[in-house]
Amino acid sequence: MNMWGFTTDIFEYLEREFNLFLKESINKEKSEFYLPSVVDTLIKSGEKKAKVLVAEEKWYGVTYKEEKDAVVNAISQMEQNGLYPNM
């Protein structure tokens, strides 16, 4: 799983890259503007650096409604074990 953290100046870069994307892809059906592509462009151009932080924790995702119960149960278990704040 990826999680991104940015400073507010990311928005000027996103706007610039989105305008370029629109010029190149506005008439292309199903074209998508990908955040990782913008980050990659910024790194390769030397405009920005990125730091990768590694977490060893298990990742839980809810993409489909069928996954919800398993995630709710996992969070409940983490709360009981004191690993996750009980709200």
PDB file of N, CA and C in Angstrom:
ATOM      1  N   MET A   1       0.846  -1.173   0.000  1.00  0.00           N
ATOM      2  CA  MET A   1       0.000   0.000   0.000  1.00  0.00           C
ATOM      3  C   MET A   1       0.888   1.231   0.000  1.00  0.00           C
ATOM      4  N   ASN A   2       0.465   2.239  -0.703  1.00  0.00           N
ATOM      5  CA  ASN A   2       1.167   3.511  -0.714  1.00  0.00           C
ATOM      6  C   ASN A   2       0.354   4.557   0.038  1.00  0.00           C
ATOM      7  N   MET A   3       1.058   5.387   0.755  1.00  0.00           N
ATOM      8  CA  MET A   3       0.435   6.535   1.389  1.00  0.00           C
ATOM      9  C   MET A   3       1.343   7.717   1.085  1.00  0.00           C
ATOM     10  N   TRP A   4       0.762   8.801   0.650  1.00  0.00           N
ATOM     11  CA  TRP A   4       1.533   9.970   0.264  1.00  0.00           C
ATOM     12  C   TRP A   4       1.365  11.073   1.298  1.00  0.00           C
ATOM     13  N   GLY A   5       2.433  11.815   1.505  1.00  0.00           N
ATOM     14  CA  GLY A   5       2.392  13.020   2.332  1.00  0.00           C
ATOM     15  C   GLY A   5       3.108  14.117   1.565  1.00  0.00           C
ATOM     16  N   PHE A   6       2.475  15.259   1.401  1.00  0.00           N
ATOM     17  CA  PHE A   6       3.040  16.340   0.600  1.00  0.00           C
ATOM     18  C   PHE A   6       2.999  17.656   1.364  1.00  0.00           C
ATOM     19  N   THR A   7       3.871  18.568   0.943  1.00  0.00           N
ATOM     20  CA  THR A   7       3.748  19.950   1.383  1.00  0.00           C
ATOM     21  C   THR A   7       2.786  20.635   0.410  1.00  0.00           C
ATOM     22  N   THR A   8       2.305  21.803   0.789  1.00  0.00           N
ATOM     23  CA  THR A   8       1.253  22.456  -0.006  1.00  0.00           C
ATOM     24  C   THR A   8       1.714  22.873  -1.398  1.00  0.00           C
ATOM     25  N   ASP A   9       3.015  22.979  -1.631  1.00  0.00           N
ATOM     26  CA  ASP A   9       3.466  23.377  -2.968  1.00  0.00           C
ATOM     27  C   ASP A   9       3.200  22.303  -4.021  1.00  0.00           C
ATOM     28  N   ILE A  10       2.772  21.118  -3.606  1.00  0.00           N
ATOM     29  CA  ILE A  10       2.450  20.073  -4.580  1.00  0.00           C
ATOM     30  C   ILE A  10       1.353  20.537  -5.536  1.00  0.00           C
ATOM     31  N   PHE A  11       0.471  21.419  -5.058  1.00  0.00           N
ATOM     32  CA  PHE A  11      -0.655  21.832  -5.890  1.00  0.00           C
ATOM     33  C   PHE A  11      -0.217  22.630  -7.114  1.00  0.00           C
ATOM     34  N   GLU A  12       0.837  23.425  -7.005  1.00  0.00           N
ATOM     35  CA  GLU A  12       1.316  24.152  -8.184  1.00  0.00           C
ATOM     36  C   GLU A  12       1.875  23.167  -9.214  1.00  0.00           C
ATOM     37  N   TYR A  13       2.555  22.127  -8.751  1.00  0.00           N
ATOM     38  CA  TYR A  13       3.083  21.111  -9.666  1.00  0.00           C
ATOM     39  C   TYR A  13       1.952  20.289 -10.281  1.00  0.00           C
ATOM     40  N   LEU A  14       0.965  19.940  -9.481  1.00  0.00           N
ATOM     41  CA  LEU A  14      -0.174  19.180 -10.002  1.00  0.00           C
ATOM     42  C   LEU A  14      -0.923  19.975 -11.061  1.00  0.00           C
ATOM     43  N   GLU A  15      -1.110  21.260 -10.800  1.00  0.00           N
ATOM     44  CA  GLU A  15      -1.808  22.097 -11.778  1.00  0.00           C
ATOM     45  C   GLU A  15      -1.023  22.166 -13.088  1.00  0.00           C
ATOM     46  N   ARG A  16       0.283  22.376 -12.985  1.00  0.00           N
ATOM     47  CA  ARG A  16       1.124  22.447 -14.179  1.00  0.00           C
ATOM     48  C   ARG A  16       1.048  21.139 -14.970  1.00  0.00           C
ATOM     49  N   GLU A  17       1.236  20.022 -14.276  1.00  0.00           N
ATOM     50  CA  GLU A  17       1.232  18.719 -14.953  1.00  0.00           C
ATOM     51  C   GLU A  17      -0.156  18.359 -15.476  1.00  0.00           C
ATOM     52  N   PHE A  18      -1.203  18.774 -14.769  1.00  0.00           N
ATOM     53  CA  PHE A  18      -2.560  18.488 -15.230  1.00  0.00           C
ATOM     54  C   PHE A  18      -2.851  19.257 -16.516  1.00  0.00           C
ATOM     55  N   ASN A  19      -2.398  20.493 -16.599  1.00  0.00           N
ATOM     56  CA  ASN A  19      -2.590  21.261 -17.833  1.00  0.00           C
ATOM     57  C   ASN A  19      -1.867  20.605 -19.002  1.00  0.00           C
ATOM     58  N   LEU A  20      -0.654  20.099 -18.776  1.00  0.00           N
ATOM     59  CA  LEU A  20       0.057  19.360 -19.826  1.00  0.00           C
ATOM     60  C   LEU A  20      -0.699  18.097 -20.210  1.00  0.00           C
ATOM     61  N   PHE A  21      -1.193  17.395 -19.198  1.00  0.00           N
ATOM     62  CA  PHE A  21      -1.973  16.175 -19.431  1.00  0.00           C
ATOM     63  C   PHE A  21      -3.195  16.474 -20.299  1.00  0.00           C
ATOM     64  N   LEU A  22      -3.907  17.564 -19.985  1.00  0.00           N
ATOM     65  CA  LEU A  22      -5.091  17.907 -20.768  1.00  0.00           C
ATOM     66  C   LEU A  22      -4.744  18.212 -22.222  1.00  0.00           C
ATOM     67  N   LYS A  23      -3.653  18.918 -22.438  1.00  0.00           N
ATOM     68  CA  LYS A  23      -3.249  19.237 -23.807  1.00  0.00           C
ATOM     69  C   LYS A  23      -2.969  17.971 -24.609  1.00  0.00           C
ATOM     70  N   GLU A  24      -2.382  16.970 -23.950  1.00  0.00           N
ATOM     71  CA  GLU A  24      -2.001  15.740 -24.640  1.00  0.00           C
ATOM     72  C   GLU A  24      -3.119  14.701 -24.702  1.00  0.00           C
ATOM     73  N   SER A  25      -4.031  14.735 -23.739  1.00  0.00           N
ATOM     74  CA  SER A  25      -4.947  13.598 -23.582  1.00  0.00           C
ATOM     75  C   SER A  25      -6.427  13.942 -23.561  1.00  0.00           C
ATOM     76  N   ILE A  26      -6.782  15.192 -23.774  1.00  0.00           N
ATOM     77  CA  ILE A  26      -8.183  15.587 -23.596  1.00  0.00           C
ATOM     78  C   ILE A  26      -9.130  14.786 -24.495  1.00  0.00           C
ATOM     79  N   ASN A  27      -8.688  14.384 -25.649  1.00  0.00           N
ATOM     80  CA  ASN A  27      -9.559  13.643 -26.563  1.00  0.00           C
ATOM     81  C   ASN A  27      -9.326  12.137 -26.531  1.00  0.00           C
ATOM     82  N   LYS A  28      -8.472  11.697 -25.626  1.00  0.00           N
ATOM     83  CA  LYS A  28      -8.208  10.267 -25.514  1.00  0.00           C
ATOM     84  C   LYS A  28      -9.162   9.662 -24.489  1.00  0.00           C
ATOM     85  N   GLU A  29     -10.002   8.784 -24.961  1.00  0.00           N
ATOM     86  CA  GLU A  29     -10.966   8.137 -24.078  1.00  0.00           C
ATOM     87  C   GLU A  29     -10.245   7.287 -23.037  1.00  0.00           C
ATOM     88  N   LYS A  30     -10.696   7.338 -21.826  1.00  0.00           N
ATOM     89  CA  LYS A  30     -10.184   6.559 -20.700  1.00  0.00           C
ATOM     90  C   LYS A  30      -8.774   6.954 -20.267  1.00  0.00           C
ATOM     91  N   SER A  31      -8.303   8.134 -20.650  1.00  0.00           N
ATOM     92  CA  SER A  31      -6.992   8.569 -20.162  1.00  0.00           C
ATOM     93  C   SER A  31      -7.139   8.985 -18.701  1.00  0.00           C
ATOM     94  N   GLU A  32      -6.089   8.755 -17.934  1.00  0.00           N
ATOM     95  CA  GLU A  32      -6.117   9.058 -16.501  1.00  0.00           C
ATOM     96  C   GLU A  32      -4.886   9.851 -16.105  1.00  0.00           C
ATOM     97  N   PHE A  33      -5.066  10.732 -15.152  1.00  0.00           N
ATOM     98  CA  PHE A  33      -3.996  11.561 -14.605  1.00  0.00           C
ATOM     99  C   PHE A  33      -3.544  10.905 -13.307  1.00  0.00           C
ATOM    100  N   TYR A  34      -2.336  10.359 -13.305  1.00  0.00           N
ATOM    101  CA  TYR A  34      -1.857   9.578 -12.174  1.00  0.00           C
ATOM    102  C   TYR A  34      -0.917  10.380 -11.276  1.00  0.00           C
ATOM    103  N   LEU A  35      -1.213  10.410  -9.999  1.00  0.00           N
ATOM    104  CA  LEU A  35      -0.356  11.068  -9.023  1.00  0.00           C
ATOM    105  C   LEU A  35       1.065  10.498  -9.042  1.00  0.00           C
ATOM    106  N   PRO A  36       1.253   9.177  -9.082  1.00  0.00           N
ATOM    107  CA  PRO A  36       2.624   8.650  -9.133  1.00  0.00           C
ATOM    108  C   PRO A  36       3.406   9.144 -10.348  1.00  0.00           C
ATOM    109  N   SER A  37       2.730   9.381 -11.463  1.00  0.00           N
ATOM    110  CA  SER A  37       3.417   9.892 -12.644  1.00  0.00           C
ATOM    111  C   SER A  37       3.923  11.312 -12.412  1.00  0.00           C
ATOM    112  N   VAL A  38       3.140  12.128 -11.728  1.00  0.00           N
ATOM    113  CA  VAL A  38       3.570  13.491 -11.416  1.00  0.00           C
ATOM    114  C   VAL A  38       4.780  13.449 -10.488  1.00  0.00           C
ATOM    115  N   VAL A  39       4.719  12.618  -9.458  1.00  0.00           N
ATOM    116  CA  VAL A  39       5.836  12.497  -8.523  1.00  0.00           C
ATOM    117  C   VAL A  39       7.084  12.017  -9.261  1.00  0.00           C
ATOM    118  N   ASP A  40       6.934  11.049 -10.141  1.00  0.00           N
ATOM    119  CA  ASP A  40       8.057  10.542 -10.913  1.00  0.00           C
ATOM    120  C   ASP A  40       8.666  11.645 -11.780  1.00  0.00           C
ATOM    121  N   THR A  41       7.832  12.439 -12.425  1.00  0.00           N
ATOM    122  CA  THR A  41       8.307  13.554 -13.251  1.00  0.00           C
ATOM    123  C   THR A  41       9.095  14.548 -12.410  1.00  0.00           C
ATOM    124  N   LEU A  42       8.589  14.876 -11.227  1.00  0.00           N
ATOM    125  CA  LEU A  42       9.258  15.836 -10.349  1.00  0.00           C
ATOM    126  C   LEU A  42      10.607  15.312  -9.867  1.00  0.00           C
ATOM    127  N   ILE A  43      10.676  14.040  -9.572  1.00  0.00           N
ATOM    128  CA  ILE A  43      11.936  13.436  -9.123  1.00  0.00           C
ATOM    129  C   ILE A  43      12.942  13.413 -10.267  1.00  0.00           C
ATOM    130  N   LYS A  44      12.507  12.949 -11.434  1.00  0.00           N
ATOM    131  CA  LYS A  44      13.415  12.844 -12.580  1.00  0.00           C
ATOM    132  C   LYS A  44      13.924  14.204 -13.044  1.00  0.00           C
ATOM    133  N   SER A  45      13.108  15.251 -12.892  1.00  0.00           N
ATOM    134  CA  SER A  45      13.528  16.592 -13.314  1.00  0.00           C
ATOM    135  C   SER A  45      14.423  17.257 -12.278  1.00  0.00           C
ATOM    136  N   GLY A  46      14.502  16.662 -11.086  1.00  0.00           N
ATOM    137  CA  GLY A  46      15.306  17.234 -10.018  1.00  0.00           C
ATOM    138  C   GLY A  46      14.592  18.324  -9.237  1.00  0.00           C
ATOM    139  N   GLU A  47      13.319  18.544  -9.538  1.00  0.00           N
ATOM    140  CA  GLU A  47      12.561  19.586  -8.846  1.00  0.00           C
ATOM    141  C   GLU A  47      12.215  19.195  -7.410  1.00  0.00           C
ATOM    142  N   LYS A  48      12.013  17.921  -7.190  1.00  0.00           N
ATOM    143  CA  LYS A  48      11.622  17.434  -5.867  1.00  0.00           C
ATOM    144  C   LYS A  48      12.337  16.121  -5.562  1.00  0.00           C
ATOM    145  N   LYS A  49      12.382  15.811  -4.290  1.00  0.00           N
ATOM    146  CA  LYS A  49      12.886  14.527  -3.813  1.00  0.00           C
ATOM    147  C   LYS A  49      11.751  13.826  -3.074  1.00  0.00           C
ATOM    148  N   ALA A  50      11.874  12.530  -2.953  1.00  0.00           N
ATOM    149  CA  ALA A  50      10.878  11.760  -2.209  1.00  0.00           C
ATOM    150  C   ALA A  50      11.598  10.869  -1.210  1.00  0.00           C
ATOM    151  N   LYS A  51      10.963  10.683  -0.093  1.00  0.00           N
ATOM    152  CA  LYS A  51      11.497   9.788   0.928  1.00  0.00           C
ATOM    153  C   LYS A  51      10.502   8.640   1.079  1.00  0.00           C
ATOM    154  N   VAL A  52      11.019   7.439   1.075  1.00  0.00           N
ATOM    155  CA  VAL A  52      10.178   6.255   1.244  1.00  0.00           C
ATOM    156  C   VAL A  52      10.316   5.773   2.678  1.00  0.00           C
ATOM    157  N   LEU A  53       9.199   5.658   3.344  1.00  0.00           N
ATOM    158  CA  LEU A  53       9.174   5.128   4.699  1.00  0.00           C
ATOM    159  C   LEU A  53       8.532   3.750   4.643  1.00  0.00           C
ATOM    160  N   VAL A  54       9.144   2.802   5.286  1.00  0.00           N
ATOM    161  CA  VAL A  54       8.648   1.427   5.255  1.00  0.00           C
ATOM    162  C   VAL A  54       7.932   1.127   6.573  1.00  0.00           C
ATOM    163  N   ALA A  55       6.774   0.543   6.467  1.00  0.00           N
ATOM    164  CA  ALA A  55       6.014   0.112   7.637  1.00  0.00           C
ATOM    165  C   ALA A  55       5.839  -1.401   7.555  1.00  0.00           C
ATOM    166  N   GLU A  56       6.002  -2.053   8.665  1.00  0.00           N
ATOM    167  CA  GLU A  56       5.886  -3.511   8.695  1.00  0.00           C
ATOM    168  C   GLU A  56       4.484  -3.981   9.076  1.00  0.00           C
ATOM    169  N   GLU A  57       3.594  -3.040   9.320  1.00  0.00           N
ATOM    170  CA  GLU A  57       2.242  -3.391   9.752  1.00  0.00           C
ATOM    171  C   GLU A  57       1.438  -4.024   8.621  1.00  0.00           C
ATOM    172  N   LYS A  58       0.475  -4.830   8.989  1.00  0.00           N
ATOM    173  CA  LYS A  58      -0.417  -5.450   8.016  1.00  0.00           C
ATOM    174  C   LYS A  58      -1.338  -4.378   7.450  1.00  0.00           C
ATOM    175  N   TRP A  59      -1.588  -4.442   6.170  1.00  0.00           N
ATOM    176  CA  TRP A  59      -2.443  -3.486   5.487  1.00  0.00           C
ATOM    177  C   TRP A  59      -3.827  -4.095   5.297  1.00  0.00           C
ATOM    178  N   TYR A  60      -4.847  -3.280   5.545  1.00  0.00           N
ATOM    179  CA  TYR A  60      -6.231  -3.697   5.325  1.00  0.00           C
ATOM    180  C   TYR A  60      -6.864  -2.725   4.346  1.00  0.00           C
ATOM    181  N   GLY A  61      -7.503  -3.227   3.348  1.00  0.00           N
ATOM    182  CA  GLY A  61      -8.156  -2.363   2.375  1.00  0.00           C
ATOM    183  C   GLY A  61      -9.614  -2.739   2.212  1.00  0.00           C
ATOM    184  N   VAL A  62     -10.399  -1.739   1.892  1.00  0.00           N
ATOM    185  CA  VAL A  62     -11.819  -1.978   1.630  1.00  0.00           C
ATOM    186  C   VAL A  62     -12.115  -1.427   0.247  1.00  0.00           C
ATOM    187  N   THR A  63     -12.068  -2.294  -0.714  1.00  0.00           N
ATOM    188  CA  THR A  63     -12.415  -1.919  -2.077  1.00  0.00           C
ATOM    189  C   THR A  63     -13.842  -2.360  -2.375  1.00  0.00           C
ATOM    190  N   TYR A  64     -14.212  -3.498  -1.829  1.00  0.00           N
ATOM    191  CA  TYR A  64     -15.537  -4.063  -2.073  1.00  0.00           C
ATOM    192  C   TYR A  64     -16.275  -4.220  -0.754  1.00  0.00           C
ATOM    193  N   LYS A  65     -17.592  -4.103  -0.809  1.00  0.00           N
ATOM    194  CA  LYS A  65     -18.395  -4.174   0.416  1.00  0.00           C
ATOM    195  C   LYS A  65     -18.202  -5.497   1.156  1.00  0.00           C
ATOM    196  N   GLU A  66     -17.846  -6.531   0.435  1.00  0.00           N
ATOM    197  CA  GLU A  66     -17.639  -7.843   1.063  1.00  0.00           C
ATOM    198  C   GLU A  66     -16.413  -7.840   1.984  1.00  0.00           C
ATOM    199  N   GLU A  67     -15.528  -6.882   1.827  1.00  0.00           N
ATOM    200  CA  GLU A  67     -14.314  -6.813   2.645  1.00  0.00           C
ATOM    201  C   GLU A  67     -14.521  -6.059   3.956  1.00  0.00           C
ATOM    202  N   LYS A  68     -15.607  -5.345   4.071  1.00  0.00           N
ATOM    203  CA  LYS A  68     -15.834  -4.474   5.231  1.00  0.00           C
ATOM    204  C   LYS A  68     -15.806  -5.238   6.552  1.00  0.00           C
ATOM    205  N   ASP A  69     -16.514  -6.312   6.660  1.00  0.00           N
ATOM    206  CA  ASP A  69     -16.604  -7.045   7.938  1.00  0.00           C
ATOM    207  C   ASP A  69     -15.237  -7.503   8.424  1.00  0.00           C
ATOM    208  N   ALA A  70     -14.398  -7.989   7.525  1.00  0.00           N
ATOM    209  CA  ALA A  70     -13.071  -8.456   7.920  1.00  0.00           C
ATOM    210  C   ALA A  70     -12.231  -7.300   8.459  1.00  0.00           C
ATOM    211  N   VAL A  71     -12.345  -6.139   7.854  1.00  0.00           N
ATOM    212  CA  VAL A  71     -11.578  -4.979   8.309  1.00  0.00           C
ATOM    213  C   VAL A  71     -12.116  -4.473   9.640  1.00  0.00           C
ATOM    214  N   VAL A  72     -13.424  -4.409   9.789  1.00  0.00           N
ATOM    215  CA  VAL A  72     -14.029  -3.993  11.058  1.00  0.00           C
ATOM    216  C   VAL A  72     -13.580  -4.933  12.174  1.00  0.00           C
ATOM    217  N   ASN A  73     -13.582  -6.218  11.912  1.00  0.00           N
ATOM    218  CA  ASN A  73     -13.149  -7.203  12.915  1.00  0.00           C
ATOM    219  C   ASN A  73     -11.662  -7.043  13.248  1.00  0.00           C
ATOM    220  N   ALA A  74     -10.837  -6.786  12.237  1.00  0.00           N
ATOM    221  CA  ALA A  74      -9.399  -6.609  12.470  1.00  0.00           C
ATOM    222  C   ALA A  74      -9.144  -5.368  13.319  1.00  0.00           C
ATOM    223  N   ILE A  75      -9.832  -4.278  13.036  1.00  0.00           N
ATOM    224  CA  ILE A  75      -9.665  -3.049  13.828  1.00  0.00           C
ATOM    225  C   ILE A  75     -10.154  -3.270  15.249  1.00  0.00           C
ATOM    226  N   SER A  76     -11.250  -3.972  15.402  1.00  0.00           N
ATOM    227  CA  SER A  76     -11.767  -4.287  16.734  1.00  0.00           C
ATOM    228  C   SER A  76     -10.743  -5.089  17.531  1.00  0.00           C
ATOM    229  N   GLN A  77     -10.124  -6.051  16.884  1.00  0.00           N
ATOM    230  CA  GLN A  77      -9.105  -6.869  17.542  1.00  0.00           C
ATOM    231  C   GLN A  77      -7.895  -6.016  17.935  1.00  0.00           C
ATOM    232  N   MET A  78      -7.494  -5.094  17.057  1.00  0.00           N
ATOM    233  CA  MET A  78      -6.376  -4.208  17.369  1.00  0.00           C
ATOM    234  C   MET A  78      -6.717  -3.289  18.539  1.00  0.00           C
ATOM    235  N   GLU A  79      -7.968  -2.828  18.607  1.00  0.00           N
ATOM    236  CA  GLU A  79      -8.406  -2.007  19.744  1.00  0.00           C
ATOM    237  C   GLU A  79      -8.303  -2.796  21.038  1.00  0.00           C
ATOM    238  N   GLN A  80      -8.788  -4.044  21.022  1.00  0.00           N
ATOM    239  CA  GLN A  80      -8.751  -4.900  22.218  1.00  0.00           C
ATOM    240  C   GLN A  80      -7.320  -5.175  22.663  1.00  0.00           C
ATOM    241  N   ASN A  81      -6.404  -5.249  21.713  1.00  0.00           N
ATOM    242  CA  ASN A  81      -5.003  -5.513  22.020  1.00  0.00           C
ATOM    243  C   ASN A  81      -4.205  -4.244  22.328  1.00  0.00           C
ATOM    244  N   GLY A  82      -4.889  -3.091  22.296  1.00  0.00           N
ATOM    245  CA  GLY A  82      -4.228  -1.824  22.586  1.00  0.00           C
ATOM    246  C   GLY A  82      -3.331  -1.311  21.470  1.00  0.00           C
ATOM    247  N   LEU A  83      -3.495  -1.869  20.263  1.00  0.00           N
ATOM    248  CA  LEU A  83      -2.666  -1.459  19.124  1.00  0.00           C
ATOM    249  C   LEU A  83      -3.297  -0.336  18.318  1.00  0.00           C
ATOM    250  N   TYR A  84      -4.560  -0.081  18.555  1.00  0.00           N
ATOM    251  CA  TYR A  84      -5.300   0.913  17.776  1.00  0.00           C
ATOM    252  C   TYR A  84      -6.177   1.668  18.766  1.00  0.00           C
ATOM    253  N   PRO A  85      -6.242   2.993  18.663  1.00  0.00           N
ATOM    254  CA  PRO A  85      -7.042   3.747  19.654  1.00  0.00           C
ATOM    255  C   PRO A  85      -8.514   3.411  19.576  1.00  0.00           C
ATOM    256  N   ASN A  86      -9.098   3.194  20.710  1.00  0.00           N
ATOM    257  CA  ASN A  86     -10.534   2.901  20.778  1.00  0.00           C
ATOM    258  C   ASN A  86     -11.287   4.217  20.790  1.00  0.00           C
ATOM    259  N   MET A  87     -12.099   4.444  19.795  1.00  0.00           N
ATOM    260  CA  MET A  87     -12.826   5.696  19.689  1.00  0.00           C
ATOM    261  C   MET A  87     -14.215   5.457  20.179  1.00  0.00           C
TER     262      MET A  87
END
